[in-house]
């Protein structure tokens, strides 16, 4: 596979580069890790874990490339590698949804992909007495990096929504940050079990810092709860939607822009 053609002027801040697949494997039944490598990675900033990249695809019949946004879950300067984790969510007919996930499922050693970025990572404010983090599987790589960056004596909760019990991962974290796994085989549903789990956690005394990334509808519920019930300072609240059920990334981007205007 090659996505080399028609890549000019599609990546933010720096020119896109062509990377090759070194390996592809499932780290849980519904999370697949693709390791990309290439000399172009020498130009990536240090400590890019948690930053985002744009995977650039050429779609037959389209006059411009299509981009999909993913988080760098691992980076190694020797030998110039990055890891990208893909949630493997299947539709009712059993096929893997989306554009990038099916590519990751079929990727083999030597396949090439055009990659733009990296863009800046968004990390939780560490100046707090208590921490609350939440993510579904699309944002799990970013949450994982946030956990690593918390102070060693940090206290708090991390809520993670996964498709099945066997999608739970072993995560590095401060001793006093509790991990709560929320199993939801229908991500993006109106029930929003990730929100329900957060809403039932005991309120803590002291200054709270929160980092949340998940599906759009669930994100809005969590954001409203944190603003109304927790009285968080803007500097200590990061809430973002990584996707919206039923929408492409392009459609989701428009929804996010409209949502941001309503908040301003």
C-alpha atoms as a PDB file:
ATOM      1  CA  UNK A   1       0.000   0.000   0.000  1.00  0.00           C
ATOM      2  CA  UNK A   2       1.219   3.484  -0.781  1.00  0.00           C
ATOM      3  CA  UNK A   3      -0.178   6.905   0.026  1.00  0.00           C
ATOM      4  CA  UNK A   4       2.587   8.950  -1.551  1.00  0.00           C
ATOM      5  CA  UNK A   5       0.749  10.997  -4.182  1.00  0.00           C
ATOM      6  CA  UNK A   6      -0.995  14.335  -3.691  1.00  0.00           C
ATOM      7  CA  UNK A   7       0.229  15.140  -0.195  1.00  0.00           C
ATOM      8  CA  UNK A   8       1.364  18.744  -0.611  1.00  0.00           C
ATOM      9  CA  UNK A   9      -0.057  21.357   1.744  1.00  0.00           C
ATOM     10  CA  UNK A  10      -2.174  18.965   3.792  1.00  0.00           C
ATOM     11  CA  UNK A  11      -0.270  18.787   7.090  1.00  0.00           C
ATOM     12  CA  UNK A  12      -0.223  21.519   9.720  1.00  0.00           C
ATOM     13  CA  UNK A  13       3.052  23.210  10.676  1.00  0.00           C
ATOM     14  CA  UNK A  14       5.489  20.855   8.939  1.00  0.00           C
ATOM     15  CA  UNK A  15       5.721  18.940   5.684  1.00  0.00           C
ATOM     16  CA  UNK A  16       4.264  15.426   5.693  1.00  0.00           C
ATOM     17  CA  UNK A  17       6.592  12.468   5.527  1.00  0.00           C
ATOM     18  CA  UNK A  18       6.351   8.913   4.252  1.00  0.00           C
ATOM     19  CA  UNK A  19       6.776   6.226   6.903  1.00  0.00           C
ATOM     20  CA  UNK A  20       6.803   2.452   6.567  1.00  0.00           C
ATOM     21  CA  UNK A  21       5.025  -0.137   8.668  1.00  0.00           C
ATOM     22  CA  UNK A  22       7.477  -2.082  10.816  1.00  0.00           C
ATOM     23  CA  UNK A  23       4.895  -4.206  12.620  1.00  0.00           C
ATOM     24  CA  UNK A  24       1.172  -4.442  13.343  1.00  0.00           C
ATOM     25  CA  UNK A  25      -0.354  -6.401  16.191  1.00  0.00           C
ATOM     26  CA  UNK A  26      -3.372  -6.418  18.504  1.00  0.00           C
ATOM     27  CA  UNK A  27      -2.485  -5.365  22.053  1.00  0.00           C
ATOM     28  CA  UNK A  28      -6.053  -6.198  23.121  1.00  0.00           C
ATOM     29  CA  UNK A  29      -8.836  -7.779  21.044  1.00  0.00           C
ATOM     30  CA  UNK A  30     -10.121  -4.346  19.991  1.00  0.00           C
ATOM     31  CA  UNK A  31      -6.946  -2.244  20.028  1.00  0.00           C
ATOM     32  CA  UNK A  32      -4.343  -2.655  17.304  1.00  0.00           C
ATOM     33  CA  UNK A  33      -0.871  -1.101  17.428  1.00  0.00           C
ATOM     34  CA  UNK A  34       0.959  -0.194  14.228  1.00  0.00           C
ATOM     35  CA  UNK A  35       4.643   0.688  14.527  1.00  0.00           C
ATOM     36  CA  UNK A  36       5.903   3.075  11.848  1.00  0.00           C
ATOM     37  CA  UNK A  37       9.540   3.839  11.118  1.00  0.00           C
ATOM     38  CA  UNK A  38      11.670   5.981   8.838  1.00  0.00           C
ATOM     39  CA  UNK A  39      14.571   8.431   8.832  1.00  0.00           C
ATOM     40  CA  UNK A  40      12.090  11.331   8.624  1.00  0.00           C
ATOM     41  CA  UNK A  41      11.232  10.710  12.280  1.00  0.00           C
ATOM     42  CA  UNK A  42      14.601  12.220  13.217  1.00  0.00           C
ATOM     43  CA  UNK A  43      12.859  15.575  12.763  1.00  0.00           C
ATOM     44  CA  UNK A  44      10.075  14.815  15.247  1.00  0.00           C
ATOM     45  CA  UNK A  45      10.300  16.686  18.575  1.00  0.00           C
ATOM     46  CA  UNK A  46      11.477  14.762  21.596  1.00  0.00           C
ATOM     47  CA  UNK A  47       8.787  13.388  23.903  1.00  0.00           C
ATOM     48  CA  UNK A  48       6.105  13.288  21.214  1.00  0.00           C
ATOM     49  CA  UNK A  49       4.044  10.662  23.047  1.00  0.00           C
ATOM     50  CA  UNK A  50       0.576  12.109  23.498  1.00  0.00           C
ATOM     51  CA  UNK A  51       0.908  14.444  20.506  1.00  0.00           C
ATOM     52  CA  UNK A  52      -1.269  13.899  17.455  1.00  0.00           C
ATOM     53  CA  UNK A  53      -0.430  13.128  13.841  1.00  0.00           C
ATOM     54  CA  UNK A  54      -2.494  13.175  10.660  1.00  0.00           C
ATOM     55  CA  UNK A  55      -2.607   9.931   8.690  1.00  0.00           C
ATOM     56  CA  UNK A  56      -3.135  10.888   5.061  1.00  0.00           C
ATOM     57  CA  UNK A  57      -5.025   8.638   2.661  1.00  0.00           C
ATOM     58  CA  UNK A  58      -5.736   8.911  -1.045  1.00  0.00           C
ATOM     59  CA  UNK A  59      -9.304   7.867  -1.733  1.00  0.00           C
ATOM     60  CA  UNK A  60     -10.209   6.633  -5.194  1.00  0.00           C
ATOM     61  CA  UNK A  61     -12.321   9.241  -6.966  1.00  0.00           C
ATOM     62  CA  UNK A  62     -11.364  12.070  -4.602  1.00  0.00           C
ATOM     63  CA  UNK A  63      -9.324  15.036  -5.828  1.00  0.00           C
ATOM     64  CA  UNK A  64      -7.677  15.604  -2.452  1.00  0.00           C
ATOM     65  CA  UNK A  65      -6.284  13.427   0.346  1.00  0.00           C
ATOM     66  CA  UNK A  66      -8.342  12.464   3.380  1.00  0.00           C
ATOM     67  CA  UNK A  67      -6.813  12.839   6.836  1.00  0.00           C
ATOM     68  CA  UNK A  68      -7.472  11.011  10.080  1.00  0.00           C
ATOM     69  CA  UNK A  69      -6.128  12.147  13.455  1.00  0.00           C
ATOM     70  CA  UNK A  70      -4.379   9.749  15.839  1.00  0.00           C
ATOM     71  CA  UNK A  71      -2.267   9.996  18.975  1.00  0.00           C
ATOM     72  CA  UNK A  72       1.363   8.900  19.147  1.00  0.00           C
ATOM     73  CA  UNK A  73       1.315   6.207  21.830  1.00  0.00           C
ATOM     74  CA  UNK A  74       5.065   5.522  21.755  1.00  0.00           C
ATOM     75  CA  UNK A  75       8.254   7.040  20.328  1.00  0.00           C
ATOM     76  CA  UNK A  76      11.780   5.671  20.040  1.00  0.00           C
ATOM     77  CA  UNK A  77      14.603   7.693  18.494  1.00  0.00           C
ATOM     78  CA  UNK A  78      16.657   4.581  18.026  1.00  0.00           C
ATOM     79  CA  UNK A  79      15.677   3.255  15.525  1.00  0.00           C
ATOM     80  CA  UNK A  80      13.300   6.144  14.626  1.00  0.00           C
ATOM     81  CA  UNK A  81       9.912   4.599  15.400  1.00  0.00           C
ATOM     82  CA  UNK A  82       6.487   5.691  16.561  1.00  0.00           C
ATOM     83  CA  UNK A  83       3.499   3.610  17.661  1.00  0.00           C
ATOM     84  CA  UNK A  84      -0.096   4.413  16.719  1.00  0.00           C
ATOM     85  CA  UNK A  85      -2.975   2.598  18.450  1.00  0.00           C
ATOM     86  CA  UNK A  86      -6.254   2.036  16.593  1.00  0.00           C
ATOM     87  CA  UNK A  87      -9.586   1.131  18.159  1.00  0.00           C
ATOM     88  CA  UNK A  88     -11.136  -1.767  16.226  1.00  0.00           C
ATOM     89  CA  UNK A  89     -14.878  -1.158  16.460  1.00  0.00           C
ATOM     90  CA  UNK A  90     -17.067  -3.328  14.243  1.00  0.00           C
ATOM     91  CA  UNK A  91     -20.368  -2.339  12.662  1.00  0.00           C
ATOM     92  CA  UNK A  92     -23.540  -4.432  12.749  1.00  0.00           C
ATOM     93  CA  UNK A  93     -22.394  -6.386   9.695  1.00  0.00           C
ATOM     94  CA  UNK A  94     -19.110  -7.318  11.373  1.00  0.00           C
ATOM     95  CA  UNK A  95     -16.816  -4.997   9.419  1.00  0.00           C
ATOM     96  CA  UNK A  96     -14.325  -2.698  11.132  1.00  0.00           C
ATOM     97  CA  UNK A  97     -15.642   0.870  10.990  1.00  0.00           C
ATOM     98  CA  UNK A  98     -13.916   3.899   9.560  1.00  0.00           C
ATOM     99  CA  UNK A  99     -11.031   4.551   7.199  1.00  0.00           C
ATOM    100  CA  UNK A 100      -7.859   4.305   9.279  1.00  0.00           C
ATOM    101  CA  UNK A 101      -8.829   1.296  11.415  1.00  0.00           C
ATOM    102  CA  UNK A 102      -9.432  -0.990   8.397  1.00  0.00           C
ATOM    103  CA  UNK A 103      -6.071   0.154   7.025  1.00  0.00           C
ATOM    104  CA  UNK A 104      -4.405  -0.740  10.339  1.00  0.00           C
ATOM    105  CA  UNK A 105      -6.120  -4.135  10.346  1.00  0.00           C
ATOM    106  CA  UNK A 106      -4.673  -4.972   6.923  1.00  0.00           C
ATOM    107  CA  UNK A 107      -1.285  -3.258   7.360  1.00  0.00           C
ATOM    108  CA  UNK A 108       1.786  -5.426   6.864  1.00  0.00           C
ATOM    109  CA  UNK A 109       5.529  -4.837   7.073  1.00  0.00           C
ATOM    110  CA  UNK A 110       6.712  -2.466   4.357  1.00  0.00           C
ATOM    111  CA  UNK A 111       3.374  -0.769   3.691  1.00  0.00           C
ATOM    112  CA  UNK A 112       3.727   3.008   3.450  1.00  0.00           C
ATOM    113  CA  UNK A 113       1.594   5.784   4.894  1.00  0.00           C
ATOM    114  CA  UNK A 114       1.897   9.548   4.658  1.00  0.00           C
ATOM    115  CA  UNK A 115       2.015  11.227   8.068  1.00  0.00           C
ATOM    116  CA  UNK A 116       1.618  14.915   8.913  1.00  0.00           C
ATOM    117  CA  UNK A 117       2.522  16.614  12.161  1.00  0.00           C
ATOM    118  CA  UNK A 118       3.026  16.161  15.009  1.00  0.00           C
ATOM    119  CA  UNK A 119       0.622  18.633  16.515  1.00  0.00           C
ATOM    120  CA  UNK A 120       0.835  19.677  20.171  1.00  0.00           C
ATOM    121  CA  UNK A 121      -0.282  17.384  22.963  1.00  0.00           C
ATOM    122  CA  UNK A 122      -2.809  18.540  25.569  1.00  0.00           C
ATOM    123  CA  UNK A 123      -1.858  17.550  29.112  1.00  0.00           C
ATOM    124  CA  UNK A 124      -3.625  17.870  32.425  1.00  0.00           C
ATOM    125  CA  UNK A 125      -2.632  20.775  34.671  1.00  0.00           C
ATOM    126  CA  UNK A 126      -0.418  19.180  37.361  1.00  0.00           C
ATOM    127  CA  UNK A 127      -0.931  22.005  39.893  1.00  0.00           C
ATOM    128  CA  UNK A 128      -3.796  20.484  41.854  1.00  0.00           C
ATOM    129  CA  UNK A 129      -4.701  18.513  44.963  1.00  0.00           C
ATOM    130  CA  UNK A 130      -6.841  15.959  43.145  1.00  0.00           C
ATOM    131  CA  UNK A 131      -7.066  14.692  39.572  1.00  0.00           C
ATOM    132  CA  UNK A 132      -9.851  13.322  37.394  1.00  0.00           C
ATOM    133  CA  UNK A 133      -9.144  11.805  33.983  1.00  0.00           C
ATOM    134  CA  UNK A 134     -11.559  10.124  31.592  1.00  0.00           C
ATOM    135  CA  UNK A 135     -11.338   8.626  28.099  1.00  0.00           C
ATOM    136  CA  UNK A 136     -12.861   6.064  25.810  1.00  0.00           C
ATOM    137  CA  UNK A 137     -10.680   3.779  23.694  1.00  0.00           C
ATOM    138  CA  UNK A 138     -10.080   6.419  21.024  1.00  0.00           C
ATOM    139  CA  UNK A 139      -8.401   8.629  23.633  1.00  0.00           C
ATOM    140  CA  UNK A 140      -6.798   5.900  25.736  1.00  0.00           C
ATOM    141  CA  UNK A 141      -3.277   6.511  24.295  1.00  0.00           C
ATOM    142  CA  UNK A 142      -3.527  10.194  25.255  1.00  0.00           C
ATOM    143  CA  UNK A 143      -4.869   9.406  28.728  1.00  0.00           C
ATOM    144  CA  UNK A 144      -2.062   6.885  29.217  1.00  0.00           C
ATOM    145  CA  UNK A 145       0.527   9.586  28.606  1.00  0.00           C
ATOM    146  CA  UNK A 146      -1.291  11.966  30.955  1.00  0.00           C
ATOM    147  CA  UNK A 147      -1.120   9.353  33.713  1.00  0.00           C
ATOM    148  CA  UNK A 148       2.633   9.061  33.228  1.00  0.00           C
ATOM    149  CA  UNK A 149       3.048  12.826  33.627  1.00  0.00           C
ATOM    150  CA  UNK A 150       1.134  13.179  36.879  1.00  0.00           C
ATOM    151  CA  UNK A 151       3.132  13.920  40.041  1.00  0.00           C
ATOM    152  CA  UNK A 152       4.208  10.730  41.810  1.00  0.00           C
ATOM    153  CA  UNK A 153       2.151  11.677  44.864  1.00  0.00           C
ATOM    154  CA  UNK A 154      -0.949  12.509  42.798  1.00  0.00           C
ATOM    155  CA  UNK A 155      -4.371  11.415  44.068  1.00  0.00           C
ATOM    156  CA  UNK A 156      -7.444  10.913  41.955  1.00  0.00           C
ATOM    157  CA  UNK A 157      -9.425   8.781  39.551  1.00  0.00           C
ATOM    158  CA  UNK A 158      -9.066   7.718  35.928  1.00  0.00           C
ATOM    159  CA  UNK A 159     -12.187   6.425  34.150  1.00  0.00           C
ATOM    160  CA  UNK A 160     -11.638   4.444  30.960  1.00  0.00           C
ATOM    161  CA  UNK A 161     -14.385   3.124  28.698  1.00  0.00           C
ATOM    162  CA  UNK A 162     -13.573  -0.078  26.788  1.00  0.00           C
ATOM    163  CA  UNK A 163     -15.561  -2.368  24.522  1.00  0.00           C
ATOM    164  CA  UNK A 164     -15.007  -5.550  26.571  1.00  0.00           C
ATOM    165  CA  UNK A 165     -13.368  -6.721  29.799  1.00  0.00           C
ATOM    166  CA  UNK A 166     -10.458  -8.142  27.823  1.00  0.00           C
ATOM    167  CA  UNK A 167      -9.650  -4.685  26.412  1.00  0.00           C
ATOM    168  CA  UNK A 168      -8.344  -3.556  29.795  1.00  0.00           C
ATOM    169  CA  UNK A 169      -4.638  -2.703  29.752  1.00  0.00           C
ATOM    170  CA  UNK A 170      -1.926  -2.515  32.364  1.00  0.00           C
ATOM    171  CA  UNK A 171      -1.142   1.190  32.816  1.00  0.00           C
ATOM    172  CA  UNK A 172       1.636   3.075  34.575  1.00  0.00           C
ATOM    173  CA  UNK A 173       0.174   5.464  37.134  1.00  0.00           C
ATOM    174  CA  UNK A 174       0.749   7.069  40.516  1.00  0.00           C
ATOM    175  CA  UNK A 175      -0.100   4.716  43.372  1.00  0.00           C
ATOM    176  CA  UNK A 176      -2.990   6.830  44.626  1.00  0.00           C
ATOM    177  CA  UNK A 177      -4.752   7.285  41.300  1.00  0.00           C
ATOM    178  CA  UNK A 178      -7.498   4.669  40.987  1.00  0.00           C
ATOM    179  CA  UNK A 179      -8.323   3.171  37.578  1.00  0.00           C
ATOM    180  CA  UNK A 180     -12.010   2.519  36.874  1.00  0.00           C
ATOM    181  CA  UNK A 181     -12.787   0.444  33.783  1.00  0.00           C
ATOM    182  CA  UNK A 182     -16.202   1.072  32.244  1.00  0.00           C
ATOM    183  CA  UNK A 183     -17.294  -1.662  29.819  1.00  0.00           C
ATOM    184  CA  UNK A 184     -19.546  -0.431  27.011  1.00  0.00           C
ATOM    185  CA  UNK A 185     -20.098  -2.545  23.904  1.00  0.00           C
ATOM    186  CA  UNK A 186     -22.099   0.281  22.283  1.00  0.00           C
ATOM    187  CA  UNK A 187     -19.755   3.299  22.273  1.00  0.00           C
ATOM    188  CA  UNK A 188     -21.452   6.572  21.462  1.00  0.00           C
ATOM    189  CA  UNK A 189     -24.790   5.401  22.844  1.00  0.00           C
ATOM    190  CA  UNK A 190     -27.116   7.859  24.579  1.00  0.00           C
ATOM    191  CA  UNK A 191     -26.658   6.033  27.896  1.00  0.00           C
ATOM    192  CA  UNK A 192     -23.113   7.396  28.201  1.00  0.00           C
ATOM    193  CA  UNK A 193     -21.871   4.989  30.912  1.00  0.00           C
ATOM    194  CA  UNK A 194     -18.568   6.859  31.109  1.00  0.00           C
ATOM    195  CA  UNK A 195     -20.450   9.963  32.244  1.00  0.00           C
ATOM    196  CA  UNK A 196     -22.555   7.925  34.681  1.00  0.00           C
ATOM    197  CA  UNK A 197     -19.420   6.535  36.313  1.00  0.00           C
ATOM    198  CA  UNK A 198     -17.907   9.987  36.759  1.00  0.00           C
ATOM    199  CA  UNK A 199     -21.137  11.480  38.102  1.00  0.00           C
ATOM    200  CA  UNK A 200     -21.209   8.935  40.924  1.00  0.00           C
ATOM    201  CA  UNK A 201     -17.662   9.477  42.180  1.00  0.00           C
ATOM    202  CA  UNK A 202     -17.324  11.064  45.603  1.00  0.00           C
ATOM    203  CA  UNK A 203     -16.465  14.760  45.498  1.00  0.00           C
ATOM    204  CA  UNK A 204     -13.011  15.527  46.880  1.00  0.00           C
ATOM    205  CA  UNK A 205     -11.814  18.530  48.843  1.00  0.00           C
ATOM    206  CA  UNK A 206      -9.126  20.773  47.430  1.00  0.00           C
ATOM    207  CA  UNK A 207      -8.216  22.021  43.973  1.00  0.00           C
ATOM    208  CA  UNK A 208      -9.337  19.693  41.177  1.00  0.00           C
ATOM    209  CA  UNK A 209      -7.738  19.298  37.757  1.00  0.00           C
ATOM    210  CA  UNK A 210      -9.583  17.386  35.018  1.00  0.00           C
ATOM    211  CA  UNK A 211      -8.693  15.958  31.602  1.00  0.00           C
ATOM    212  CA  UNK A 212     -11.427  14.326  29.485  1.00  0.00           C
ATOM    213  CA  UNK A 213     -11.500  13.083  25.879  1.00  0.00           C
ATOM    214  CA  UNK A 214     -14.202  10.863  24.396  1.00  0.00           C
ATOM    215  CA  UNK A 215     -17.241  10.746  22.083  1.00  0.00           C
ATOM    216  CA  UNK A 216     -19.024  14.076  21.498  1.00  0.00           C
ATOM    217  CA  UNK A 217     -22.340  13.443  23.290  1.00  0.00           C
ATOM    218  CA  UNK A 218     -20.623  11.947  26.318  1.00  0.00           C
ATOM    219  CA  UNK A 219     -18.090  14.765  26.354  1.00  0.00           C
ATOM    220  CA  UNK A 220     -20.866  17.372  26.566  1.00  0.00           C
ATOM    221  CA  UNK A 221     -22.482  15.603  29.530  1.00  0.00           C
ATOM    222  CA  UNK A 222     -19.169  15.335  31.383  1.00  0.00           C
ATOM    223  CA  UNK A 223     -18.261  18.942  30.608  1.00  0.00           C
ATOM    224  CA  UNK A 224     -21.577  20.222  31.961  1.00  0.00           C
ATOM    225  CA  UNK A 225     -21.191  18.124  35.109  1.00  0.00           C
ATOM    226  CA  UNK A 226     -17.641  19.324  35.772  1.00  0.00           C
ATOM    227  CA  UNK A 227     -18.572  22.959  35.232  1.00  0.00           C
ATOM    228  CA  UNK A 228     -21.752  22.879  37.308  1.00  0.00           C
ATOM    229  CA  UNK A 229     -20.774  20.500  40.101  1.00  0.00           C
ATOM    230  CA  UNK A 230     -17.028  20.914  40.457  1.00  0.00           C
ATOM    231  CA  UNK A 231     -16.518  24.651  39.898  1.00  0.00           C
ATOM    232  CA  UNK A 232     -13.288  24.114  37.992  1.00  0.00           C
ATOM    233  CA  UNK A 233     -11.067  26.963  36.873  1.00  0.00           C
ATOM    234  CA  UNK A 234     -10.648  27.141  33.099  1.00  0.00           C
ATOM    235  CA  UNK A 235      -6.913  26.582  33.561  1.00  0.00           C
ATOM    236  CA  UNK A 236      -7.651  23.215  35.205  1.00  0.00           C
ATOM    237  CA  UNK A 237     -10.271  21.872  32.807  1.00  0.00           C
ATOM    238  CA  UNK A 238      -9.492  20.200  29.493  1.00  0.00           C
ATOM    239  CA  UNK A 239     -12.449  18.539  27.767  1.00  0.00           C
ATOM    240  CA  UNK A 240     -12.449  17.430  24.130  1.00  0.00           C
ATOM    241  CA  UNK A 241     -14.428  15.164  21.830  1.00  0.00           C
ATOM    242  CA  UNK A 242     -12.319  12.832  19.683  1.00  0.00           C
ATOM    243  CA  UNK A 243     -15.242  11.608  17.572  1.00  0.00           C
ATOM    244  CA  UNK A 244     -19.013  11.722  17.156  1.00  0.00           C
ATOM    245  CA  UNK A 245     -21.081   8.629  16.521  1.00  0.00           C
ATOM    246  CA  UNK A 246     -22.320   8.503  12.938  1.00  0.00           C
ATOM    247  CA  UNK A 247     -20.047  11.328  11.722  1.00  0.00           C
ATOM    248  CA  UNK A 248     -16.856  11.322   9.694  1.00  0.00           C
ATOM    249  CA  UNK A 249     -13.898  13.263  11.062  1.00  0.00           C
ATOM    250  CA  UNK A 250     -14.743  16.081   8.647  1.00  0.00           C
ATOM    251  CA  UNK A 251     -18.341  16.246   9.913  1.00  0.00           C
ATOM    252  CA  UNK A 252     -17.201  16.014  13.510  1.00  0.00           C
ATOM    253  CA  UNK A 253     -14.860  18.947  12.997  1.00  0.00           C
ATOM    254  CA  UNK A 254     -17.796  21.145  11.951  1.00  0.00           C
ATOM    255  CA  UNK A 255     -19.822  20.005  14.966  1.00  0.00           C
ATOM    256  CA  UNK A 256     -16.916  20.877  17.270  1.00  0.00           C
ATOM    257  CA  UNK A 257     -16.599  24.329  15.711  1.00  0.00           C
ATOM    258  CA  UNK A 258     -20.307  25.004  16.234  1.00  0.00           C
ATOM    259  CA  UNK A 259     -20.082  23.763  19.823  1.00  0.00           C
ATOM    260  CA  UNK A 260     -17.095  26.027  20.509  1.00  0.00           C
ATOM    261  CA  UNK A 261     -19.024  29.051  19.185  1.00  0.00           C
ATOM    262  CA  UNK A 262     -21.895  28.316  21.544  1.00  0.00           C
ATOM    263  CA  UNK A 263     -19.491  28.273  24.476  1.00  0.00           C
ATOM    264  CA  UNK A 264     -17.763  31.528  23.560  1.00  0.00           C
END
